[in-house]
Amino acid sequence: MTDVQSGITGDQRHDAQTLWDYHHLHHPLRPCDAAIGLGGHDLGVAACAAELYHRGLFPVLVFSGGRSRVHPERAPGGEAVRFRERALELGVPEDVILVEPDATNTGENISLSRAVLASAGIAVRSVLLITVPPVERRAFATCCRQWPGVEVVCASAPGELGEYVRAIGDEKDVIDMLVGELQRVVEYPRRGFAIAQPVPDDVRAAYERLRSAGFDSRLVKD
């Protein structure tokens, strides 16, 4: 059955759920030497970082990200700056937060944040990556490539796919993102951007169906 208002079918939502479940790593959370909040337009990253700081999971936090190319109007001063503002509102002390304001992609989020931490004299053997739910797996794979030898733990705000869709307000955009992230998980190891991740057959099949159905606005073009 198709939702007349959205044009999205029940089968497509099922495929989206398959991708959503795959992108989540479900890492057990534990204390790490530092955390990195990866930039984006979703302030849920800053809220999640604040919650995890108050739980005592890290002593220092880097927010990384320049101006958004997707939604620049949501953070005119840059993603990292906006995230810092939100974390301060949520009670994270100012001296805990470092800002990396130049990254334009996930690889730069990692490499530039690593440089910021090194400049601050902070030794990092374990890092907690905080991101939006659909980016967990790719963030992990990217960090493992960019920062070998460091233990990587991933976290995102808890919640179901339906909750995330309601928070973003655009179901097609969320499904497009899930599809685009799967493409990157597959393609980026070939380009040297990330380590390879196993992709089950049912995940590949869901991706192909959604891509063929036109959920393709977040795909990387060759």
N, C-alpha and C. Protein backbone atom coordinates (compact mmCIF):
# COMPACT_ATOMS: atom_id res chain seq x y z
N MET A 1 0.85 -1.20 0.00
CA MET A 1 0.00 0.00 0.00
C MET A 1 0.88 1.24 0.00
N THR A 2 0.46 2.27 -0.76
CA THR A 2 1.20 3.51 -0.84
C THR A 2 0.54 4.58 0.00
N ASP A 3 1.34 5.32 0.77
CA ASP A 3 0.87 6.50 1.48
C ASP A 3 0.64 7.59 0.43
N VAL A 4 -0.63 7.95 0.20
CA VAL A 4 -0.96 8.87 -0.88
C VAL A 4 -0.26 10.21 -0.71
N GLN A 5 -0.17 10.68 0.54
CA GLN A 5 0.43 11.98 0.78
C GLN A 5 1.91 12.00 0.49
N SER A 6 2.63 10.96 0.90
CA SER A 6 4.08 10.95 0.73
C SER A 6 4.54 10.22 -0.53
N GLY A 7 3.70 9.32 -1.05
CA GLY A 7 4.09 8.51 -2.20
C GLY A 7 5.04 7.39 -1.86
N ILE A 8 5.26 7.13 -0.58
CA ILE A 8 6.18 6.09 -0.14
C ILE A 8 5.39 4.86 0.28
N THR A 9 5.80 3.70 -0.24
CA THR A 9 5.07 2.48 0.01
C THR A 9 5.54 1.79 1.29
N GLY A 10 4.72 0.87 1.76
CA GLY A 10 5.11 0.08 2.93
C GLY A 10 6.36 -0.72 2.67
N ASP A 11 6.51 -1.29 1.46
CA ASP A 11 7.72 -2.04 1.14
C ASP A 11 8.95 -1.15 1.17
N GLN A 12 8.81 0.08 0.72
CA GLN A 12 9.95 1.00 0.74
C GLN A 12 10.32 1.37 2.17
N ARG A 13 9.33 1.53 3.03
CA ARG A 13 9.63 1.79 4.44
C ARG A 13 10.32 0.59 5.07
N HIS A 14 9.92 -0.61 4.66
CA HIS A 14 10.59 -1.81 5.18
C HIS A 14 12.05 -1.83 4.74
N ASP A 15 12.30 -1.49 3.48
CA ASP A 15 13.68 -1.43 2.99
C ASP A 15 14.47 -0.35 3.72
N ALA A 16 13.83 0.79 3.98
CA ALA A 16 14.50 1.85 4.72
C ALA A 16 14.87 1.38 6.12
N GLN A 17 13.98 0.62 6.75
CA GLN A 17 14.27 0.09 8.08
C GLN A 17 15.47 -0.86 8.04
N THR A 18 15.58 -1.65 6.98
CA THR A 18 16.72 -2.55 6.82
C THR A 18 18.03 -1.75 6.78
N LEU A 19 18.04 -0.65 6.03
CA LEU A 19 19.25 0.18 5.97
C LEU A 19 19.51 0.87 7.31
N TRP A 20 18.46 1.35 7.93
CA TRP A 20 18.59 2.00 9.25
C TRP A 20 19.24 1.06 10.25
N ASP A 21 18.76 -0.17 10.31
CA ASP A 21 19.31 -1.15 11.24
C ASP A 21 20.77 -1.46 10.93
N TYR A 22 21.12 -1.51 9.65
CA TYR A 22 22.49 -1.81 9.26
C TYR A 22 23.45 -0.68 9.66
N HIS A 23 23.03 0.56 9.48
CA HIS A 23 23.91 1.68 9.77
C HIS A 23 24.19 1.84 11.27
N HIS A 24 23.30 1.33 12.10
CA HIS A 24 23.52 1.37 13.55
C HIS A 24 24.51 0.27 13.96
N LEU A 25 25.51 0.62 14.74
CA LEU A 25 26.52 -0.35 15.17
C LEU A 25 26.23 -0.93 16.55
N HIS A 26 25.43 -0.25 17.34
CA HIS A 26 25.07 -0.72 18.69
C HIS A 26 26.30 -1.00 19.54
N HIS A 27 27.30 -0.12 19.44
CA HIS A 27 28.49 -0.29 20.28
C HIS A 27 28.13 -0.09 21.76
N PRO A 28 28.60 -0.97 22.62
CA PRO A 28 28.46 -0.70 24.06
C PRO A 28 29.27 0.55 24.41
N LEU A 29 28.64 1.48 25.09
CA LEU A 29 29.33 2.73 25.43
C LEU A 29 30.22 2.54 26.64
N ARG A 30 31.39 3.16 26.59
CA ARG A 30 32.32 3.10 27.71
C ARG A 30 33.14 4.38 27.70
N PRO A 31 33.79 4.73 28.82
CA PRO A 31 34.60 5.95 28.85
C PRO A 31 35.72 5.93 27.81
N CYS A 32 35.92 7.08 27.15
CA CYS A 32 36.97 7.23 26.16
C CYS A 32 37.80 8.46 26.49
N ASP A 33 38.98 8.55 25.89
CA ASP A 33 39.88 9.67 26.17
C ASP A 33 39.33 10.99 25.64
N ALA A 34 38.57 10.93 24.56
CA ALA A 34 38.02 12.14 23.95
C ALA A 34 36.80 11.76 23.12
N ALA A 35 35.98 12.77 22.83
CA ALA A 35 34.83 12.57 21.95
C ALA A 35 34.91 13.57 20.80
N ILE A 36 34.37 13.16 19.66
CA ILE A 36 34.24 14.06 18.51
C ILE A 36 32.79 14.07 18.08
N GLY A 37 32.19 15.26 18.06
CA GLY A 37 30.84 15.43 17.55
C GLY A 37 30.93 15.84 16.09
N LEU A 38 30.51 14.95 15.19
CA LEU A 38 30.63 15.21 13.76
C LEU A 38 29.55 16.18 13.30
N GLY A 39 29.97 17.18 12.54
CA GLY A 39 29.08 18.24 12.11
C GLY A 39 27.94 17.77 11.24
N GLY A 40 26.92 18.60 11.17
CA GLY A 40 25.72 18.34 10.38
C GLY A 40 24.66 19.34 10.77
N HIS A 41 23.48 19.20 10.20
CA HIS A 41 22.41 20.15 10.51
C HIS A 41 21.52 19.69 11.65
N ASP A 42 21.78 18.49 12.19
CA ASP A 42 20.93 17.92 13.23
C ASP A 42 21.53 18.22 14.61
N LEU A 43 20.86 19.10 15.36
CA LEU A 43 21.35 19.46 16.69
C LEU A 43 21.27 18.31 17.68
N GLY A 44 20.65 17.20 17.28
CA GLY A 44 20.63 16.03 18.13
C GLY A 44 22.02 15.53 18.47
N VAL A 45 22.99 15.80 17.59
CA VAL A 45 24.37 15.40 17.88
C VAL A 45 24.88 16.14 19.10
N ALA A 46 24.63 17.44 19.17
CA ALA A 46 25.08 18.23 20.32
C ALA A 46 24.37 17.79 21.59
N ALA A 47 23.07 17.50 21.48
CA ALA A 47 22.31 17.05 22.65
C ALA A 47 22.82 15.70 23.14
N CYS A 48 23.10 14.80 22.20
CA CYS A 48 23.64 13.48 22.57
C CYS A 48 25.01 13.64 23.23
N ALA A 49 25.85 14.51 22.68
CA ALA A 49 27.17 14.74 23.26
C ALA A 49 27.06 15.28 24.68
N ALA A 50 26.14 16.20 24.90
CA ALA A 50 25.96 16.75 26.24
C ALA A 50 25.53 15.66 27.22
N GLU A 51 24.59 14.82 26.79
CA GLU A 51 24.12 13.74 27.67
C GLU A 51 25.26 12.80 28.03
N LEU A 52 26.05 12.43 27.04
CA LEU A 52 27.14 11.48 27.29
C LEU A 52 28.25 12.11 28.13
N TYR A 53 28.48 13.41 27.97
CA TYR A 53 29.44 14.08 28.85
C TYR A 53 28.96 14.02 30.29
N HIS A 54 27.69 14.32 30.51
CA HIS A 54 27.16 14.32 31.88
C HIS A 54 27.16 12.91 32.48
N ARG A 55 27.21 11.90 31.63
CA ARG A 55 27.32 10.52 32.12
C ARG A 55 28.78 10.15 32.42
N GLY A 56 29.70 11.04 32.16
CA GLY A 56 31.11 10.81 32.49
C GLY A 56 31.86 9.98 31.48
N LEU A 57 31.44 10.01 30.21
CA LEU A 57 32.06 9.12 29.22
C LEU A 57 33.30 9.72 28.55
N PHE A 58 33.57 11.00 28.74
CA PHE A 58 34.78 11.60 28.17
C PHE A 58 35.06 12.92 28.89
N PRO A 59 36.34 13.33 28.91
CA PRO A 59 36.71 14.59 29.57
C PRO A 59 36.81 15.78 28.62
N VAL A 60 36.94 15.52 27.33
CA VAL A 60 37.11 16.60 26.36
C VAL A 60 36.32 16.26 25.09
N LEU A 61 35.78 17.29 24.46
CA LEU A 61 34.88 17.11 23.32
C LEU A 61 35.27 18.07 22.21
N VAL A 62 35.44 17.54 21.01
CA VAL A 62 35.67 18.37 19.83
C VAL A 62 34.41 18.38 18.99
N PHE A 63 33.89 19.55 18.68
CA PHE A 63 32.85 19.67 17.67
C PHE A 63 33.53 20.07 16.37
N SER A 64 33.23 19.34 15.31
CA SER A 64 33.91 19.53 14.04
C SER A 64 32.91 19.81 12.92
N GLY A 65 33.19 20.85 12.13
CA GLY A 65 32.35 21.11 10.97
C GLY A 65 32.29 22.58 10.60
N GLY A 66 32.41 22.86 9.30
CA GLY A 66 32.26 24.22 8.79
C GLY A 66 30.81 24.49 8.43
N ARG A 67 30.59 25.33 7.45
CA ARG A 67 29.23 25.65 7.02
C ARG A 67 28.65 24.47 6.24
N SER A 68 27.41 24.15 6.53
CA SER A 68 26.73 23.04 5.87
C SER A 68 26.46 23.37 4.41
N ARG A 69 26.73 22.39 3.54
CA ARG A 69 26.39 22.56 2.13
C ARG A 69 24.95 22.19 1.86
N VAL A 70 24.35 21.40 2.77
CA VAL A 70 22.97 20.95 2.56
C VAL A 70 21.98 21.96 3.13
N HIS A 71 22.23 22.42 4.37
CA HIS A 71 21.33 23.37 5.02
C HIS A 71 22.15 24.51 5.64
N PRO A 72 22.78 25.37 4.85
CA PRO A 72 23.63 26.43 5.41
C PRO A 72 22.87 27.40 6.30
N GLU A 73 21.57 27.54 6.06
CA GLU A 73 20.79 28.50 6.84
C GLU A 73 20.62 28.07 8.30
N ARG A 74 20.82 26.79 8.58
CA ARG A 74 20.60 26.30 9.94
C ARG A 74 21.78 26.58 10.86
N ALA A 75 22.95 26.86 10.30
CA ALA A 75 24.12 27.17 11.12
C ALA A 75 25.00 28.16 10.37
N PRO A 76 24.56 29.43 10.31
CA PRO A 76 25.31 30.42 9.51
C PRO A 76 26.75 30.57 9.95
N GLY A 77 27.03 30.38 11.24
CA GLY A 77 28.40 30.49 11.73
C GLY A 77 29.21 29.22 11.62
N GLY A 78 28.62 28.18 11.09
CA GLY A 78 29.28 26.88 10.97
C GLY A 78 28.70 25.86 11.93
N GLU A 79 28.81 24.61 11.55
CA GLU A 79 28.20 23.53 12.32
C GLU A 79 28.84 23.38 13.71
N ALA A 80 30.17 23.40 13.77
CA ALA A 80 30.85 23.20 15.05
C ALA A 80 30.49 24.31 16.04
N VAL A 81 30.42 25.53 15.55
CA VAL A 81 30.08 26.67 16.41
C VAL A 81 28.66 26.53 16.95
N ARG A 82 27.72 26.13 16.08
CA ARG A 82 26.33 25.96 16.52
C ARG A 82 26.22 24.81 17.52
N PHE A 83 26.92 23.73 17.28
CA PHE A 83 26.90 22.60 18.21
C PHE A 83 27.45 23.02 19.58
N ARG A 84 28.53 23.79 19.56
CA ARG A 84 29.11 24.26 20.82
C ARG A 84 28.09 25.10 21.59
N GLU A 85 27.41 25.99 20.90
CA GLU A 85 26.40 26.82 21.55
C GLU A 85 25.33 25.96 22.21
N ARG A 86 24.88 24.94 21.50
CA ARG A 86 23.83 24.08 22.04
C ARG A 86 24.34 23.28 23.24
N ALA A 87 25.56 22.78 23.16
CA ALA A 87 26.11 22.00 24.28
C ALA A 87 26.27 22.88 25.52
N LEU A 88 26.68 24.13 25.34
CA LEU A 88 26.79 25.04 26.47
C LEU A 88 25.42 25.26 27.11
N GLU A 89 24.39 25.41 26.26
CA GLU A 89 23.02 25.56 26.78
C GLU A 89 22.61 24.37 27.62
N LEU A 90 23.16 23.20 27.28
CA LEU A 90 22.81 21.96 27.97
C LEU A 90 23.75 21.63 29.12
N GLY A 91 24.58 22.60 29.50
CA GLY A 91 25.36 22.45 30.71
C GLY A 91 26.76 21.88 30.57
N VAL A 92 27.25 21.72 29.34
CA VAL A 92 28.64 21.27 29.18
C VAL A 92 29.56 22.46 29.46
N PRO A 93 30.56 22.32 30.33
CA PRO A 93 31.44 23.45 30.64
C PRO A 93 32.22 23.93 29.42
N GLU A 94 32.44 25.23 29.37
CA GLU A 94 33.12 25.83 28.21
C GLU A 94 34.51 25.25 28.01
N ASP A 95 35.22 24.97 29.11
CA ASP A 95 36.61 24.52 28.97
C ASP A 95 36.73 23.07 28.53
N VAL A 96 35.61 22.37 28.43
CA VAL A 96 35.61 20.98 27.95
C VAL A 96 35.60 20.92 26.42
N ILE A 97 35.07 21.99 25.77
CA ILE A 97 34.76 21.94 24.34
C ILE A 97 35.86 22.59 23.52
N LEU A 98 36.34 21.86 22.52
CA LEU A 98 37.23 22.39 21.49
C LEU A 98 36.43 22.47 20.18
N VAL A 99 36.78 23.43 19.34
CA VAL A 99 36.05 23.64 18.09
C VAL A 99 36.99 23.48 16.91
N GLU A 100 36.56 22.68 15.97
CA GLU A 100 37.28 22.52 14.69
C GLU A 100 36.31 23.05 13.62
N PRO A 101 36.54 24.25 13.06
CA PRO A 101 35.54 24.92 12.25
C PRO A 101 35.70 24.79 10.74
N ASP A 102 36.58 23.90 10.27
CA ASP A 102 36.91 23.90 8.84
C ASP A 102 36.50 22.65 8.07
N ALA A 103 36.18 21.56 8.75
CA ALA A 103 35.93 20.29 8.05
C ALA A 103 34.72 20.39 7.13
N THR A 104 34.85 19.78 5.95
CA THR A 104 33.75 19.77 4.98
C THR A 104 33.26 18.35 4.68
N ASN A 105 33.89 17.35 5.27
CA ASN A 105 33.46 15.97 5.07
C ASN A 105 33.91 15.14 6.27
N THR A 106 33.49 13.88 6.30
CA THR A 106 33.76 13.05 7.48
C THR A 106 35.25 12.78 7.65
N GLY A 107 35.96 12.57 6.56
CA GLY A 107 37.40 12.37 6.67
C GLY A 107 38.08 13.55 7.33
N GLU A 108 37.69 14.76 6.94
CA GLU A 108 38.27 15.96 7.55
C GLU A 108 37.80 16.13 8.99
N ASN A 109 36.54 15.74 9.30
CA ASN A 109 36.11 15.74 10.69
C ASN A 109 37.10 14.99 11.57
N ILE A 110 37.54 13.83 11.08
CA ILE A 110 38.44 13.00 11.87
C ILE A 110 39.86 13.57 11.88
N SER A 111 40.41 13.83 10.70
CA SER A 111 41.81 14.24 10.62
C SER A 111 42.04 15.60 11.28
N LEU A 112 41.13 16.55 11.06
CA LEU A 112 41.31 17.88 11.65
C LEU A 112 41.05 17.87 13.15
N SER A 113 40.10 17.07 13.60
CA SER A 113 39.87 16.95 15.05
C SER A 113 41.06 16.28 15.72
N ARG A 114 41.63 15.30 15.05
CA ARG A 114 42.83 14.65 15.58
C ARG A 114 43.94 15.68 15.78
N ALA A 115 44.10 16.59 14.81
CA ALA A 115 45.13 17.62 14.91
C ALA A 115 44.82 18.60 16.05
N VAL A 116 43.54 18.95 16.23
CA VAL A 116 43.14 19.84 17.32
C VAL A 116 43.49 19.23 18.67
N LEU A 117 43.18 17.96 18.83
CA LEU A 117 43.48 17.27 20.09
C LEU A 117 44.99 17.20 20.33
N ALA A 118 45.74 16.92 19.28
CA ALA A 118 47.19 16.86 19.42
C ALA A 118 47.76 18.22 19.82
N SER A 119 47.23 19.28 19.21
CA SER A 119 47.71 20.63 19.53
C SER A 119 47.41 21.00 20.98
N ALA A 120 46.32 20.42 21.51
CA ALA A 120 45.96 20.68 22.90
C ALA A 120 46.72 19.78 23.87
N GLY A 121 47.57 18.91 23.34
CA GLY A 121 48.38 18.04 24.18
C GLY A 121 47.61 16.89 24.78
N ILE A 122 46.53 16.49 24.13
CA ILE A 122 45.67 15.42 24.65
C ILE A 122 46.02 14.10 23.97
N ALA A 123 46.48 13.13 24.73
CA ALA A 123 46.80 11.81 24.21
C ALA A 123 45.50 11.02 24.07
N VAL A 124 45.31 10.43 22.90
CA VAL A 124 44.06 9.73 22.62
C VAL A 124 44.36 8.28 22.24
N ARG A 125 43.89 7.37 23.07
CA ARG A 125 43.96 5.94 22.75
C ARG A 125 42.59 5.38 22.41
N SER A 126 41.55 6.11 22.80
CA SER A 126 40.18 5.71 22.48
C SER A 126 39.37 6.97 22.22
N VAL A 127 38.47 6.90 21.24
CA VAL A 127 37.68 8.07 20.87
C VAL A 127 36.23 7.66 20.69
N LEU A 128 35.34 8.51 21.19
CA LEU A 128 33.91 8.30 21.04
C LEU A 128 33.43 9.22 19.92
N LEU A 129 32.96 8.63 18.83
CA LEU A 129 32.41 9.40 17.72
C LEU A 129 30.91 9.56 17.93
N ILE A 130 30.43 10.80 17.90
CA ILE A 130 29.02 11.07 18.09
C ILE A 130 28.48 11.67 16.80
N THR A 131 27.47 11.03 16.23
CA THR A 131 26.98 11.44 14.93
C THR A 131 25.48 11.20 14.83
N VAL A 132 24.90 11.49 13.69
CA VAL A 132 23.49 11.17 13.48
C VAL A 132 23.38 9.66 13.22
N PRO A 133 22.24 9.06 13.53
CA PRO A 133 22.13 7.59 13.43
C PRO A 133 22.53 7.00 12.08
N PRO A 134 22.13 7.58 10.93
CA PRO A 134 22.48 6.92 9.67
C PRO A 134 23.96 6.94 9.32
N VAL A 135 24.76 7.70 10.05
CA VAL A 135 26.18 7.86 9.69
C VAL A 135 27.11 7.05 10.59
N GLU A 136 26.57 6.35 11.58
CA GLU A 136 27.43 5.62 12.53
C GLU A 136 28.44 4.72 11.82
N ARG A 137 27.96 3.85 10.95
CA ARG A 137 28.86 2.85 10.36
C ARG A 137 29.93 3.50 9.51
N ARG A 138 29.55 4.48 8.70
CA ARG A 138 30.56 5.12 7.85
C ARG A 138 31.54 5.93 8.68
N ALA A 139 31.07 6.58 9.74
CA ALA A 139 31.99 7.33 10.61
C ALA A 139 33.02 6.38 11.23
N PHE A 140 32.56 5.23 11.67
CA PHE A 140 33.46 4.23 12.24
C PHE A 140 34.50 3.79 11.21
N ALA A 141 34.04 3.45 10.02
CA ALA A 141 34.95 2.96 8.97
C ALA A 141 35.95 4.04 8.57
N THR A 142 35.50 5.29 8.55
CA THR A 142 36.38 6.40 8.19
C THR A 142 37.43 6.63 9.27
N CYS A 143 37.01 6.61 10.52
CA CYS A 143 37.96 6.84 11.61
C CYS A 143 39.00 5.72 11.68
N CYS A 144 38.57 4.50 11.46
CA CYS A 144 39.53 3.39 11.47
C CYS A 144 40.60 3.56 10.39
N ARG A 145 40.22 4.15 9.25
CA ARG A 145 41.19 4.41 8.19
C ARG A 145 42.06 5.62 8.52
N GLN A 146 41.44 6.68 9.03
CA GLN A 146 42.16 7.94 9.26
C GLN A 146 43.03 7.90 10.52
N TRP A 147 42.64 7.07 11.48
CA TRP A 147 43.31 7.12 12.79
C TRP A 147 43.59 5.70 13.27
N PRO A 148 44.45 4.98 12.59
CA PRO A 148 44.72 3.60 12.97
C PRO A 148 45.37 3.53 14.35
N GLY A 149 45.05 2.47 15.06
CA GLY A 149 45.62 2.27 16.39
C GLY A 149 44.80 2.84 17.51
N VAL A 150 43.79 3.64 17.20
CA VAL A 150 42.91 4.20 18.22
C VAL A 150 41.63 3.37 18.26
N GLU A 151 41.17 3.05 19.47
CA GLU A 151 39.92 2.32 19.61
C GLU A 151 38.76 3.26 19.35
N VAL A 152 37.83 2.87 18.49
CA VAL A 152 36.74 3.73 18.06
C VAL A 152 35.42 3.18 18.59
N VAL A 153 34.68 4.03 19.29
CA VAL A 153 33.34 3.70 19.76
C VAL A 153 32.39 4.72 19.14
N CYS A 154 31.26 4.25 18.62
CA CYS A 154 30.30 5.14 17.97
C CYS A 154 29.03 5.26 18.79
N ALA A 155 28.45 6.46 18.75
CA ALA A 155 27.19 6.70 19.45
C ALA A 155 26.34 7.68 18.65
N SER A 156 25.04 7.56 18.82
CA SER A 156 24.10 8.53 18.26
C SER A 156 22.89 8.57 19.18
N ALA A 157 22.05 9.57 18.97
CA ALA A 157 20.87 9.69 19.82
C ALA A 157 19.99 8.46 19.67
N PRO A 158 19.51 7.88 20.76
CA PRO A 158 18.65 6.70 20.67
C PRO A 158 17.30 7.06 20.05
N GLY A 159 16.68 6.07 19.44
CA GLY A 159 15.37 6.31 18.85
C GLY A 159 15.15 5.43 17.64
N GLU A 160 13.91 5.34 17.22
CA GLU A 160 13.54 4.53 16.07
C GLU A 160 13.52 5.37 14.80
N LEU A 161 13.46 4.69 13.66
CA LEU A 161 13.44 5.38 12.37
C LEU A 161 12.27 6.36 12.30
N GLY A 162 11.10 5.95 12.72
CA GLY A 162 9.95 6.83 12.66
C GLY A 162 10.15 8.11 13.46
N GLU A 163 10.78 8.00 14.62
CA GLU A 163 11.06 9.18 15.43
C GLU A 163 12.02 10.11 14.71
N TYR A 164 13.03 9.53 14.06
CA TYR A 164 14.00 10.35 13.35
C TYR A 164 13.35 11.06 12.18
N VAL A 165 12.48 10.37 11.46
CA VAL A 165 11.76 10.99 10.34
C VAL A 165 10.94 12.17 10.84
N ARG A 166 10.24 11.99 11.96
CA ARG A 166 9.43 13.09 12.49
C ARG A 166 10.30 14.26 12.92
N ALA A 167 11.48 13.98 13.47
CA ALA A 167 12.38 15.05 13.90
C ALA A 167 12.92 15.84 12.70
N ILE A 168 13.25 15.13 11.63
CA ILE A 168 13.79 15.79 10.44
C ILE A 168 12.67 16.46 9.64
N GLY A 169 11.51 15.81 9.60
CA GLY A 169 10.37 16.41 8.93
C GLY A 169 10.24 16.12 7.45
N ASP A 170 11.07 15.21 6.92
CA ASP A 170 11.02 14.91 5.49
C ASP A 170 11.42 13.44 5.31
N GLU A 171 10.42 12.57 5.13
CA GLU A 171 10.70 11.15 5.06
C GLU A 171 11.56 10.79 3.86
N LYS A 172 11.27 11.38 2.71
CA LYS A 172 12.08 11.05 1.53
C LYS A 172 13.53 11.45 1.72
N ASP A 173 13.77 12.60 2.32
CA ASP A 173 15.14 13.04 2.55
C ASP A 173 15.88 12.06 3.46
N VAL A 174 15.20 11.54 4.47
CA VAL A 174 15.83 10.58 5.37
C VAL A 174 16.16 9.29 4.61
N ILE A 175 15.23 8.81 3.79
CA ILE A 175 15.51 7.58 3.03
C ILE A 175 16.63 7.83 2.03
N ASP A 176 16.62 8.99 1.38
CA ASP A 176 17.72 9.33 0.48
C ASP A 176 19.06 9.27 1.23
N MET A 177 19.06 9.76 2.45
CA MET A 177 20.29 9.75 3.24
C MET A 177 20.74 8.32 3.55
N LEU A 178 19.80 7.47 3.93
CA LEU A 178 20.12 6.07 4.21
C LEU A 178 20.72 5.39 2.97
N VAL A 179 20.16 5.69 1.82
CA VAL A 179 20.67 5.12 0.56
C VAL A 179 22.05 5.67 0.25
N GLY A 180 22.22 6.98 0.39
CA GLY A 180 23.52 7.59 0.12
C GLY A 180 24.61 7.07 1.05
N GLU A 181 24.26 6.84 2.31
CA GLU A 181 25.23 6.31 3.25
C GLU A 181 25.65 4.89 2.88
N LEU A 182 24.71 4.08 2.42
CA LEU A 182 25.07 2.71 2.02
C LEU A 182 26.01 2.74 0.83
N GLN A 183 25.72 3.62 -0.14
CA GLN A 183 26.63 3.74 -1.28
C GLN A 183 28.04 4.08 -0.82
N ARG A 184 28.16 4.99 0.14
CA ARG A 184 29.48 5.40 0.62
C ARG A 184 30.18 4.26 1.37
N VAL A 185 29.43 3.50 2.15
CA VAL A 185 30.01 2.35 2.85
C VAL A 185 30.64 1.39 1.85
N VAL A 186 29.99 1.21 0.71
CA VAL A 186 30.49 0.30 -0.32
C VAL A 186 31.63 0.91 -1.12
N GLU A 187 31.46 2.17 -1.52
CA GLU A 187 32.40 2.78 -2.47
C GLU A 187 33.65 3.37 -1.81
N TYR A 188 33.54 3.93 -0.63
CA TYR A 188 34.66 4.67 -0.08
C TYR A 188 35.90 3.83 0.23
N PRO A 189 35.77 2.56 0.62
CA PRO A 189 37.00 1.77 0.78
C PRO A 189 37.80 1.66 -0.51
N ARG A 190 37.11 1.61 -1.65
CA ARG A 190 37.80 1.53 -2.93
C ARG A 190 38.56 2.81 -3.24
N ARG A 191 38.11 3.90 -2.67
CA ARG A 191 38.76 5.20 -2.89
C ARG A 191 39.78 5.52 -1.80
N GLY A 192 39.93 4.62 -0.84
CA GLY A 192 40.89 4.82 0.23
C GLY A 192 40.42 5.70 1.36
N PHE A 193 39.09 5.97 1.42
CA PHE A 193 38.57 6.86 2.44
C PHE A 193 38.18 6.13 3.73
N ALA A 194 37.97 4.83 3.66
CA ALA A 194 37.42 4.10 4.80
C ALA A 194 37.82 2.64 4.71
N ILE A 195 37.70 1.92 5.83
CA ILE A 195 37.93 0.49 5.78
C ILE A 195 36.67 -0.19 5.25
N ALA A 196 36.83 -1.38 4.70
CA ALA A 196 35.70 -2.12 4.16
C ALA A 196 34.82 -2.67 5.28
N GLN A 197 33.52 -2.69 5.03
CA GLN A 197 32.54 -3.23 5.96
C GLN A 197 31.74 -4.34 5.27
N PRO A 198 31.42 -5.43 5.95
CA PRO A 198 30.58 -6.45 5.33
C PRO A 198 29.17 -5.90 5.12
N VAL A 199 28.61 -6.19 3.95
CA VAL A 199 27.25 -5.74 3.63
C VAL A 199 26.40 -6.96 3.30
N PRO A 200 25.48 -7.35 4.16
CA PRO A 200 24.65 -8.53 3.91
C PRO A 200 23.81 -8.39 2.64
N ASP A 201 23.44 -9.52 2.07
CA ASP A 201 22.68 -9.53 0.82
C ASP A 201 21.36 -8.78 0.94
N ASP A 202 20.67 -8.93 2.07
CA ASP A 202 19.38 -8.25 2.20
C ASP A 202 19.54 -6.74 2.25
N VAL A 203 20.65 -6.27 2.78
CA VAL A 203 20.92 -4.83 2.82
C VAL A 203 21.20 -4.31 1.41
N ARG A 204 22.02 -5.05 0.66
CA ARG A 204 22.29 -4.66 -0.73
C ARG A 204 21.01 -4.63 -1.56
N ALA A 205 20.16 -5.63 -1.37
CA ALA A 205 18.92 -5.70 -2.14
C ALA A 205 18.00 -4.53 -1.80
N ALA A 206 17.89 -4.19 -0.52
CA ALA A 206 17.06 -3.06 -0.11
C ALA A 206 17.60 -1.76 -0.72
N TYR A 207 18.90 -1.61 -0.70
CA TYR A 207 19.54 -0.43 -1.29
C TYR A 207 19.22 -0.32 -2.79
N GLU A 208 19.36 -1.41 -3.52
CA GLU A 208 19.12 -1.39 -4.96
C GLU A 208 17.67 -1.04 -5.27
N ARG A 209 16.74 -1.60 -4.50
CA ARG A 209 15.33 -1.29 -4.75
C ARG A 209 15.03 0.19 -4.50
N LEU A 210 15.55 0.72 -3.40
CA LEU A 210 15.28 2.13 -3.09
C LEU A 210 15.97 3.06 -4.10
N ARG A 211 17.17 2.71 -4.46
CA ARG A 211 17.87 3.54 -5.46
C ARG A 211 17.12 3.54 -6.79
N SER A 212 16.65 2.38 -7.22
CA SER A 212 15.91 2.29 -8.48
C SER A 212 14.59 3.03 -8.42
N ALA A 213 14.04 3.16 -7.20
CA ALA A 213 12.75 3.83 -7.02
C ALA A 213 12.90 5.35 -6.94
N GLY A 214 14.13 5.85 -7.02
CA GLY A 214 14.33 7.30 -7.06
C GLY A 214 14.77 7.95 -5.76
N PHE A 215 15.17 7.15 -4.79
CA PHE A 215 15.69 7.71 -3.53
C PHE A 215 17.19 7.95 -3.70
N ASP A 216 17.53 8.93 -4.48
CA ASP A 216 18.91 9.06 -4.96
C ASP A 216 19.52 10.44 -4.82
N SER A 217 18.88 11.35 -4.09
CA SER A 217 19.41 12.72 -4.05
C SER A 217 20.70 12.85 -3.26
N ARG A 218 21.02 11.86 -2.42
CA ARG A 218 22.24 11.92 -1.60
C ARG A 218 23.36 11.03 -2.14
N LEU A 219 23.19 10.52 -3.35
CA LEU A 219 24.23 9.67 -3.93
C LEU A 219 25.43 10.50 -4.35
N VAL A 220 26.61 9.90 -4.21
CA VAL A 220 27.83 10.52 -4.72
C VAL A 220 27.90 10.28 -6.22
N LYS A 221 28.07 11.33 -6.97
CA LYS A 221 28.18 11.21 -8.43
C LYS A 221 29.64 11.02 -8.81
N ASP A 222 29.89 10.15 -9.75
CA ASP A 222 31.28 9.93 -10.23
C ASP A 222 31.76 11.12 -11.04
